[in-house]
Each structure stands twice: as C-alpha cells, then as structure tokens.
Amino acid sequence: MLNLLSAGFSKSEKDYLKYRWFFTSEGKLVVGGKSDEQNEEVIKRFLKPDYTLMHTSLPGSPFMIIQYDNPSKNDLKETAIFCASFSKQWKSGKKQIEIDMFKGSQIYKTKGMKTGTFGVKGDKETIKVKPELVLIIQKGKIKAVPSNGKEKILAQIKPGKLTKEQAAEKIAKIIRDKFHLPVHKDEVMQAIPSDKISVGDVR
C-alpha cells in the first residue's frame, strides 16, 4: 500500500489554479482533478488526513477536497453539488446524483490500481444532490459554482441538450449583453461541465 499523504509535493498559494476549484459561500477552497492524472496530483498535493473529500458513488468524477478540517453543512453541500456537476453523470441527465463523503485518512492505493483510482476503507456518508450550477465571477475568473445567494449570478446551467461549445457561446452572449462584461467563449468553456448543458438567463 502506498503512502498517499506524505508524497512531499510543495504547494504555493495559487497552485490550485490549474485544477478544478472554487470557493464555497463560507470562503473554503475546494480543489479537484480535471483528469485521472490530476486526481492523483490533488490527492498528493492537497489532501490531509482530517480533510473531507468527495467522489460520486459511481465511477467517473473528480476527487473534490475541502481545504479545511471542519467544514460546515453549507461547505459540504456545495462541494457535493460541484463534484456531481463535473462528473460523467451530469451528461446522463440525472435529476439527482449520489456523492460519497469520507476523510483523507480513509483512502488508500495499491500498486495494481489504475491512475486516478483509489480505495476507501471504513464507513462513508452518501448524500444525493441536484446537479445545477450558476455562473459568477470568483477571484477574477468566470466560474460555474453551486448557487449560494451571496454573489451576482450571470447565468444558470443544468443538464440539457446543448454541446459545451453551444452553451459557452450562449452564456458569453448573456454576460456581454446583460452585464456588459467582455467575456470570451473560451473563458466560459473552461468553467462549465463537459457536455449536455441547458442555459438559463437570470431574470
């Protein structure tokens, strides 16, 4: 069994920017991988034994790690929604997605496991969440995050029929026309799930 939590990676203040990330409504940083390789990296770089991390109950999601050892109920729910929304199940159109929650001390990896795959020992808590996000500006970047009622919403998204590119074009147009912000489609594409998206304007 490999020691996951002492790999010796250094972490700068903005090291999370190349991964999947957002800040909860209570200001907690959440970091996850965009690929199997990044899942390996975030476990090594960002996980501590007392941190909570999440993954969909079914295969095909990032590992999302809350960078805080005592997250609130809001932190947990928002992280679960974020994890669900960037999983393969988003494209299936499910109205609710199951998310497993566990501690860093519970995960393990053996040499036979594939890249980005980990085992979990002990009990897990499982919750169901609706995969819905809102577009906001966070840390100067367009982000798709769970709605928290604290920041100006630019657009809303949920599972639908648009391709990622179609959705990004629609969102960018809404933001330019309604909020007069010079947003390019490519910026939006970096923020939203991979495909099958429905875009809602903010009334």
C-alpha atoms as a PDB file:
ATOM      1  CA  MET A   1       0.000   0.000   0.000  1.00  0.00           C
ATOM      2  CA  LEU A   2       1.369   3.423  -0.940  1.00  0.00           C
ATOM      3  CA  ASN A   3       1.577   6.312   1.495  1.00  0.00           C
ATOM      4  CA  LEU A   4      -0.651   8.934  -0.150  1.00  0.00           C
ATOM      5  CA  LEU A   5      -0.355  11.737   2.333  1.00  0.00           C
ATOM      6  CA  SER A   6       3.407  12.223   2.533  1.00  0.00           C
ATOM      7  CA  ALA A   7       4.471  12.488  -1.086  1.00  0.00           C
ATOM      8  CA  GLY A   8       6.492  15.647  -0.499  1.00  0.00           C
ATOM      9  CA  PHE A   9       4.810  17.924  -3.029  1.00  0.00           C
ATOM     10  CA  SER A  10       5.145  21.631  -2.335  1.00  0.00           C
ATOM     11  CA  LYS A  11       2.111  23.892  -2.697  1.00  0.00           C
ATOM     12  CA  SER A  12       2.098  27.603  -3.411  1.00  0.00           C
ATOM     13  CA  GLU A  13      -0.837  29.869  -2.638  1.00  0.00           C
ATOM     14  CA  LYS A  14      -2.145  29.737  -6.219  1.00  0.00           C
ATOM     15  CA  ASP A  15      -1.111  26.201  -7.052  1.00  0.00           C
ATOM     16  CA  TYR A  16      -4.790  25.222  -7.241  1.00  0.00           C
ATOM     17  CA  LEU A  17      -5.440  27.343 -10.354  1.00  0.00           C
ATOM     18  CA  LYS A  18      -4.592  24.606 -12.867  1.00  0.00           C
ATOM     19  CA  TYR A  19      -7.073  22.209 -11.256  1.00  0.00           C
ATOM     20  CA  ARG A  20     -10.860  22.230 -10.868  1.00  0.00           C
ATOM     21  CA  TRP A  21     -11.535  24.629  -7.998  1.00  0.00           C
ATOM     22  CA  PHE A  22     -13.981  27.035  -6.351  1.00  0.00           C
ATOM     23  CA  PHE A  23     -14.545  28.794  -3.040  1.00  0.00           C
ATOM     24  CA  THR A  24     -17.635  27.888  -1.007  1.00  0.00           C
ATOM     25  CA  SER A  25     -20.028  30.554   0.252  1.00  0.00           C
ATOM     26  CA  GLU A  26     -18.122  30.441   3.556  1.00  0.00           C
ATOM     27  CA  GLY A  27     -14.780  31.003   1.864  1.00  0.00           C
ATOM     28  CA  LYS A  28     -13.363  27.468   1.902  1.00  0.00           C
ATOM     29  CA  LEU A  29     -11.204  26.443  -1.044  1.00  0.00           C
ATOM     30  CA  VAL A  30     -12.238  23.210  -2.779  1.00  0.00           C
ATOM     31  CA  VAL A  31      -9.812  21.556  -5.216  1.00  0.00           C
ATOM     32  CA  GLY A  32     -10.368  18.601  -7.566  1.00  0.00           C
ATOM     33  CA  GLY A  33      -8.834  16.992 -10.624  1.00  0.00           C
ATOM     34  CA  LYS A  34      -9.751  17.535 -14.268  1.00  0.00           C
ATOM     35  CA  SER A  35      -8.376  14.141 -15.319  1.00  0.00           C
ATOM     36  CA  ASP A  36      -7.164  10.832 -13.886  1.00  0.00           C
ATOM     37  CA  GLU A  37      -3.635  12.257 -13.715  1.00  0.00           C
ATOM     38  CA  GLN A  38      -4.848  15.364 -11.906  1.00  0.00           C
ATOM     39  CA  ASN A  39      -6.827  13.241  -9.449  1.00  0.00           C
ATOM     40  CA  GLU A  40      -3.516  11.663  -8.473  1.00  0.00           C
ATOM     41  CA  GLU A  41      -1.911  15.079  -8.149  1.00  0.00           C
ATOM     42  CA  VAL A  42      -4.580  16.696  -5.988  1.00  0.00           C
ATOM     43  CA  ILE A  43      -4.547  13.747  -3.588  1.00  0.00           C
ATOM     44  CA  LYS A  44      -0.796  14.151  -3.179  1.00  0.00           C
ATOM     45  CA  ARG A  45      -0.722  17.949  -3.102  1.00  0.00           C
ATOM     46  CA  PHE A  46      -3.884  18.979  -1.276  1.00  0.00           C
ATOM     47  CA  LEU A  47      -5.119  16.152   0.944  1.00  0.00           C
ATOM     48  CA  LYS A  48      -4.551  15.916   4.691  1.00  0.00           C
ATOM     49  CA  PRO A  49      -5.825  13.089   6.932  1.00  0.00           C
ATOM     50  CA  ASP A  50      -8.558  15.233   8.526  1.00  0.00           C
ATOM     51  CA  TYR A  51      -9.762  16.856   5.297  1.00  0.00           C
ATOM     52  CA  THR A  52     -13.069  15.786   3.760  1.00  0.00           C
ATOM     53  CA  LEU A  53     -13.065  14.621   0.176  1.00  0.00           C
ATOM     54  CA  MET A  54     -15.866  13.552  -2.132  1.00  0.00           C
ATOM     55  CA  HIS A  55     -16.468  11.383  -5.190  1.00  0.00           C
ATOM     56  CA  THR A  56     -19.597  10.198  -6.946  1.00  0.00           C
ATOM     57  CA  SER A  57     -20.837   6.798  -5.766  1.00  0.00           C
ATOM     58  CA  LEU A  58     -20.443   5.603  -9.364  1.00  0.00           C
ATOM     59  CA  PRO A  59     -17.107   5.843 -11.234  1.00  0.00           C
ATOM     60  CA  GLY A  60     -16.253   8.924 -13.274  1.00  0.00           C
ATOM     61  CA  SER A  61     -15.815  12.045 -11.194  1.00  0.00           C
ATOM     62  CA  PRO A  62     -13.075  14.236  -9.780  1.00  0.00           C
ATOM     63  CA  PHE A  63     -11.977  13.809  -6.188  1.00  0.00           C
ATOM     64  CA  MET A  64     -13.021  17.071  -4.521  1.00  0.00           C
ATOM     65  CA  ILE A  65     -11.080  18.073  -1.407  1.00  0.00           C
ATOM     66  CA  ILE A  66     -12.245  20.767   1.029  1.00  0.00           C
ATOM     67  CA  GLN A  67      -9.177  22.634   2.266  1.00  0.00           C
ATOM     68  CA  TYR A  68     -10.392  22.842   5.859  1.00  0.00           C
ATOM     69  CA  ASP A  69     -10.628  20.284   8.655  1.00  0.00           C
ATOM     70  CA  ASN A  70     -14.064  21.292   9.990  1.00  0.00           C
ATOM     71  CA  PRO A  71     -16.345  22.143   7.044  1.00  0.00           C
ATOM     72  CA  SER A  72     -19.878  23.379   7.638  1.00  0.00           C
ATOM     73  CA  LYS A  73     -23.068  21.846   6.227  1.00  0.00           C
ATOM     74  CA  ASN A  74     -23.041  24.533   3.525  1.00  0.00           C
ATOM     75  CA  ASP A  75     -19.441  23.701   2.607  1.00  0.00           C
ATOM     76  CA  LEU A  76     -20.325  20.020   2.334  1.00  0.00           C
ATOM     77  CA  LYS A  77     -23.469  20.522   0.257  1.00  0.00           C
ATOM     78  CA  GLU A  78     -21.835  22.978  -2.155  1.00  0.00           C
ATOM     79  CA  THR A  79     -18.831  20.689  -2.616  1.00  0.00           C
ATOM     80  CA  ALA A  80     -21.113  17.713  -3.276  1.00  0.00           C
ATOM     81  CA  ILE A  81     -23.014  19.667  -5.953  1.00  0.00           C
ATOM     82  CA  PHE A  82     -19.754  20.783  -7.560  1.00  0.00           C
ATOM     83  CA  CYS A  83     -18.452  17.198  -7.568  1.00  0.00           C
ATOM     84  CA  ALA A  84     -21.685  15.884  -9.105  1.00  0.00           C
ATOM     85  CA  SER A  85     -21.763  18.576 -11.775  1.00  0.00           C
ATOM     86  CA  PHE A  86     -18.293  17.758 -13.072  1.00  0.00           C
ATOM     87  CA  SER A  87     -18.874  14.008 -13.116  1.00  0.00           C
ATOM     88  CA  LYS A  88     -19.817  11.769 -16.029  1.00  0.00           C
ATOM     89  CA  GLN A  89     -23.323  11.512 -14.575  1.00  0.00           C
ATOM     90  CA  TRP A  90     -24.044  15.151 -15.493  1.00  0.00           C
ATOM     91  CA  LYS A  91     -24.319  14.063 -19.130  1.00  0.00           C
ATOM     92  CA  SER A  92     -26.779  11.295 -18.239  1.00  0.00           C
ATOM     93  CA  GLY A  93     -29.389  13.918 -17.321  1.00  0.00           C
ATOM     94  CA  LYS A  94     -29.993  12.555 -13.821  1.00  0.00           C
ATOM     95  CA  LYS A  95     -32.001  14.869 -11.572  1.00  0.00           C
ATOM     96  CA  GLN A  96     -30.096  13.664  -8.515  1.00  0.00           C
ATOM     97  CA  ILE A  97     -26.594  12.240  -8.171  1.00  0.00           C
ATOM     98  CA  GLU A  98     -25.196  10.271  -5.227  1.00  0.00           C
ATOM     99  CA  ILE A  99     -21.990  11.564  -3.655  1.00  0.00           C
ATOM    100  CA  ASP A 100     -19.785   9.703  -1.170  1.00  0.00           C
ATOM    101  CA  MET A 101     -18.045  11.703   1.572  1.00  0.00           C
ATOM    102  CA  PHE A 102     -15.076  10.447   3.581  1.00  0.00           C
ATOM    103  CA  LYS A 103     -11.853  11.596   5.247  1.00  0.00           C
ATOM    104  CA  GLY A 104      -8.366  11.697   3.825  1.00  0.00           C
ATOM    105  CA  SER A 105      -7.244   9.103   6.354  1.00  0.00           C
ATOM    106  CA  GLN A 106      -9.667   6.587   4.802  1.00  0.00           C
ATOM    107  CA  ILE A 107      -8.259   6.399   1.291  1.00  0.00           C
ATOM    108  CA  TYR A 108      -5.590   4.041   0.079  1.00  0.00           C
ATOM    109  CA  LYS A 109      -3.933   2.952  -3.143  1.00  0.00           C
ATOM    110  CA  THR A 110      -2.262  -0.301  -4.091  1.00  0.00           C
ATOM    111  CA  LYS A 111       0.184  -0.751  -6.937  1.00  0.00           C
ATOM    112  CA  GLY A 112      -2.372  -2.531  -9.109  1.00  0.00           C
ATOM    113  CA  MET A 113      -4.834   0.366  -9.125  1.00  0.00           C
ATOM    114  CA  LYS A 114      -5.203   2.496 -12.246  1.00  0.00           C
ATOM    115  CA  THR A 115      -4.149   6.149 -12.379  1.00  0.00           C
ATOM    116  CA  GLY A 116      -6.746   8.328 -10.632  1.00  0.00           C
ATOM    117  CA  THR A 117      -8.302   5.380  -8.794  1.00  0.00           C
ATOM    118  CA  PHE A 118      -8.277   4.977  -5.010  1.00  0.00           C
ATOM    119  CA  GLY A 119      -9.890   2.724  -2.440  1.00  0.00           C
ATOM    120  CA  VAL A 120     -11.811   3.843   0.641  1.00  0.00           C
ATOM    121  CA  LYS A 121     -11.726   1.947   3.930  1.00  0.00           C
ATOM    122  CA  GLY A 122     -14.326   2.278   6.659  1.00  0.00           C
ATOM    123  CA  ASP A 123     -17.734   3.943   6.561  1.00  0.00           C
ATOM    124  CA  LYS A 124     -18.741   6.585   4.022  1.00  0.00           C
ATOM    125  CA  GLU A 125     -21.592   9.054   4.172  1.00  0.00           C
ATOM    126  CA  THR A 126     -23.662   9.237   0.989  1.00  0.00           C
ATOM    127  CA  ILE A 127     -25.891  12.149   0.013  1.00  0.00           C
ATOM    128  CA  LYS A 128     -27.978  12.991  -3.057  1.00  0.00           C
ATOM    129  CA  VAL A 129     -27.730  16.391  -4.733  1.00  0.00           C
ATOM    130  CA  LYS A 130     -29.180  18.150  -7.781  1.00  0.00           C
ATOM    131  CA  PRO A 131     -26.527  18.925 -10.429  1.00  0.00           C
ATOM    132  CA  GLU A 132     -27.179  22.638 -11.002  1.00  0.00           C
ATOM    133  CA  LEU A 133     -24.663  25.490 -11.181  1.00  0.00           C
ATOM    134  CA  VAL A 134     -24.592  29.255 -11.627  1.00  0.00           C
ATOM    135  CA  LEU A 135     -22.037  31.364 -13.450  1.00  0.00           C
ATOM    136  CA  ILE A 136     -20.360  34.006 -11.288  1.00  0.00           C
ATOM    137  CA  ILE A 137     -17.065  35.865 -11.113  1.00  0.00           C
ATOM    138  CA  GLN A 138     -14.822  34.417  -8.414  1.00  0.00           C
ATOM    139  CA  LYS A 139     -11.253  35.542  -7.808  1.00  0.00           C
ATOM    140  CA  GLY A 140     -11.441  37.479 -11.081  1.00  0.00           C
ATOM    141  CA  LYS A 141     -12.426  34.434 -13.152  1.00  0.00           C
ATOM    142  CA  ILE A 142     -15.690  33.181 -14.640  1.00  0.00           C
ATOM    143  CA  LYS A 143     -16.682  30.158 -12.544  1.00  0.00           C
ATOM    144  CA  ALA A 144     -19.571  27.694 -12.595  1.00  0.00           C
ATOM    145  CA  VAL A 145     -20.377  27.003  -8.939  1.00  0.00           C
ATOM    146  CA  PRO A 146     -23.287  25.942  -6.709  1.00  0.00           C
ATOM    147  CA  SER A 147     -25.688  28.806  -6.027  1.00  0.00           C
ATOM    148  CA  ASN A 148     -25.018  30.389  -2.652  1.00  0.00           C
ATOM    149  CA  GLY A 149     -27.088  33.583  -2.739  1.00  0.00           C
ATOM    150  CA  LYS A 150     -24.104  35.796  -1.980  1.00  0.00           C
ATOM    151  CA  GLU A 151     -22.696  36.689  -5.392  1.00  0.00           C
ATOM    152  CA  LYS A 152     -24.150  38.181  -8.553  1.00  0.00           C
ATOM    153  CA  ILE A 153     -25.427  35.409 -10.818  1.00  0.00           C
ATOM    154  CA  LEU A 154     -24.636  35.870 -14.508  1.00  0.00           C
ATOM    155  CA  ALA A 155     -26.371  32.738 -15.842  1.00  0.00           C
ATOM    156  CA  GLN A 156     -27.664  29.379 -14.690  1.00  0.00           C
ATOM    157  CA  ILE A 157     -26.900  25.902 -16.024  1.00  0.00           C
ATOM    158  CA  LYS A 158     -28.168  22.366 -15.519  1.00  0.00           C
ATOM    159  CA  PRO A 159     -28.095  19.145 -17.580  1.00  0.00           C
ATOM    160  CA  GLY A 160     -29.671  19.658 -21.008  1.00  0.00           C
ATOM    161  CA  LYS A 161     -29.095  19.196 -24.726  1.00  0.00           C
ATOM    162  CA  LEU A 162     -26.565  21.855 -25.758  1.00  0.00           C
ATOM    163  CA  THR A 163     -22.980  20.954 -26.522  1.00  0.00           C
ATOM    164  CA  LYS A 164     -20.300  22.564 -24.391  1.00  0.00           C
ATOM    165  CA  GLU A 165     -19.415  24.992 -27.190  1.00  0.00           C
ATOM    166  CA  GLN A 166     -23.062  25.947 -27.833  1.00  0.00           C
ATOM    167  CA  ALA A 167     -23.636  26.530 -24.129  1.00  0.00           C
ATOM    168  CA  ALA A 168     -20.465  28.606 -23.804  1.00  0.00           C
ATOM    169  CA  GLU A 169     -21.482  30.820 -26.731  1.00  0.00           C
ATOM    170  CA  LYS A 170     -24.930  31.369 -25.229  1.00  0.00           C
ATOM    171  CA  ILE A 171     -23.545  32.138 -21.762  1.00  0.00           C
ATOM    172  CA  ALA A 172     -20.899  34.526 -23.109  1.00  0.00           C
ATOM    173  CA  LYS A 173     -23.578  36.394 -25.081  1.00  0.00           C
ATOM    174  CA  ILE A 174     -25.807  36.702 -21.999  1.00  0.00           C
ATOM    175  CA  ILE A 175     -22.920  38.083 -19.949  1.00  0.00           C
ATOM    176  CA  ARG A 176     -21.840  40.531 -22.656  1.00  0.00           C
ATOM    177  CA  ASP A 177     -25.362  41.764 -23.471  1.00  0.00           C
ATOM    178  CA  LYS A 178     -26.847  41.910 -19.996  1.00  0.00           C
ATOM    179  CA  PHE A 179     -23.858  42.687 -17.793  1.00  0.00           C
ATOM    180  CA  HIS A 180     -21.622  44.426 -20.363  1.00  0.00           C
ATOM    181  CA  LEU A 181     -18.611  42.336 -19.442  1.00  0.00           C
ATOM    182  CA  PRO A 182     -16.047  41.485 -22.164  1.00  0.00           C
ATOM    183  CA  VAL A 183     -16.268  37.709 -21.777  1.00  0.00           C
ATOM    184  CA  HIS A 184     -14.974  35.347 -24.469  1.00  0.00           C
ATOM    185  CA  LYS A 185     -16.488  31.938 -25.165  1.00  0.00           C
ATOM    186  CA  ASP A 186     -13.201  30.214 -24.326  1.00  0.00           C
ATOM    187  CA  GLU A 187     -13.273  31.600 -20.783  1.00  0.00           C
ATOM    188  CA  VAL A 188     -16.715  30.116 -20.254  1.00  0.00           C
ATOM    189  CA  MET A 189     -15.699  26.757 -21.744  1.00  0.00           C
ATOM    190  CA  GLN A 190     -13.002  26.417 -19.097  1.00  0.00           C
ATOM    191  CA  ALA A 191     -15.603  26.875 -16.360  1.00  0.00           C
ATOM    192  CA  ILE A 192     -18.527  24.646 -17.365  1.00  0.00           C
ATOM    193  CA  PRO A 193     -19.140  20.864 -17.456  1.00  0.00           C
ATOM    194  CA  SER A 194     -18.118  18.845 -20.498  1.00  0.00           C
ATOM    195  CA  ASP A 195     -21.376  18.494 -22.444  1.00  0.00           C
ATOM    196  CA  LYS A 196     -25.209  18.225 -22.416  1.00  0.00           C
ATOM    197  CA  ILE A 197     -25.994  21.614 -20.885  1.00  0.00           C
ATOM    198  CA  SER A 198     -29.106  23.755 -20.512  1.00  0.00           C
ATOM    199  CA  VAL A 199     -28.555  27.509 -20.078  1.00  0.00           C
ATOM    200  CA  GLY A 200     -30.947  29.759 -18.198  1.00  0.00           C
ATOM    201  CA  ASP A 201     -30.897  33.555 -18.184  1.00  0.00           C
ATOM    202  CA  VAL A 202     -31.173  35.427 -14.896  1.00  0.00           C
ATOM    203  CA  ARG A 203     -34.398  37.409 -14.656  1.00  0.00           C
END
